[in-house]
Amino acid sequence: MTRHVVLLAYPDCQLLDVSGPWQVFASANALSPQPLYQLTLVAEATGPVLTNSGLGVLATHTYQQLPQLRPLDTLLVSGGSGVMQQRDVAAVKQVLCEIAPDVRRLGSICSGAFLLAEAGLLDGCRVTTHWRHAQQLAEEYPALWVEPDALYIESHGRYTSAGVTAGIDLALSLVEADHGAELAGQVARELVVFLQRPGGQSQFSEVLRRQQSAGPLRRLLDRLHADPSEAVDLESMAEQMAVSPRHLTRLFKRHLNTTPGAYVTQLRLEQARLALLNEREPLSLERLAQRWRLGGAEQLRRQFQRYYGVSPSVYRQRFASSRAAVCQEARSCP
């Protein structure tokens, strides 16, 4: 069965929000004996659509034609600076609301969530968007449960993803759901990306911030953030940098105002903190400590208290209670 996937573009959308997911589905087609996805790009009018990078994409259909394109399997709204203007376009919101009941998977890439939210199509759902816009999304649309660290989220048949490249993560997850991990893994290898990136988007915003001041440590930090659970110590990090352990310690102090060991510990604690929020796969402190190489449960508890000012159990309880309050208000939050 060929699944019809539609991407919605508009002036000043983000190029990679369109081309990234598109390429995932196109690569799945190329790696399969027969086409698995029919791909269509829609916009206000057919023809070139200028993205916010200055490069154009070609829309073959208008969004007014969406009802005629049924049956639709998946409809994804791209993000980009132009989405704020699209929120004021009654016609696009009207057609999204009209087509939504007939689309198996309706979603957004990056700030595209603002358009779906404005149309009332995300009310009561857990959602995410680019970390830079998460607070604005939560403030302007209180009926949404915004999770700023997630790379992508499915809730009530709605799919939202974080910024830019996270659209590729979302598309890979859809391919995996449709055709299994083997094909999704082949697509990921073809595109030279993670099938499932470790951690959430906060690690990537943190990477960018750290890279600005990391100087010669940048290559090492990239490796540490890619897999915080990797077995590393001062000697192995120094060996990768081709410097002595003492000089590596000086570099960390000079550029990051910390030590190599403290940096790795904080990075692993952040992963443990995020895992505490995973209600679908609750893990004991002992398991979390083992997964992220933080010693035992007691050591994790002490370190967590030191860095975050509360115990892991209190942190988890506070999150659960605040989430329950929002769900009660929204009434349909999962």
Foldseek 3Di string as FASTA:
>chain_A
DAAEEEEEDAAAFAPLLPVQLVLLQVVLCVVDPHRRYDYFYEYQDFAWHQHNVRDTDGHPYYLVCVVVPPPHAEYEYTHGPCVVVVLPVPVNLVSCVVCVVNYQAYEYEAHSVVNCVSSVNQFQEEEEHALVCQVVVCVVRVSYNYDHFAQWDATPRYIYGYHRNSSNQRSLVVCCVVPNDVSSVVSCVVVVHDNDFATTCVLVVVLVVLVVQLVLCNVVSVVCSRALQDDDDLCRSCVVSVHDSVVQQVSCCVRPVDGPVVVSVVSLLNSLLVQLQPPVDHDQLQVSCNRNVQPGSVSSQVVCCVPPVDGSVVSSVVSVVVVVVSSVVSVNYD
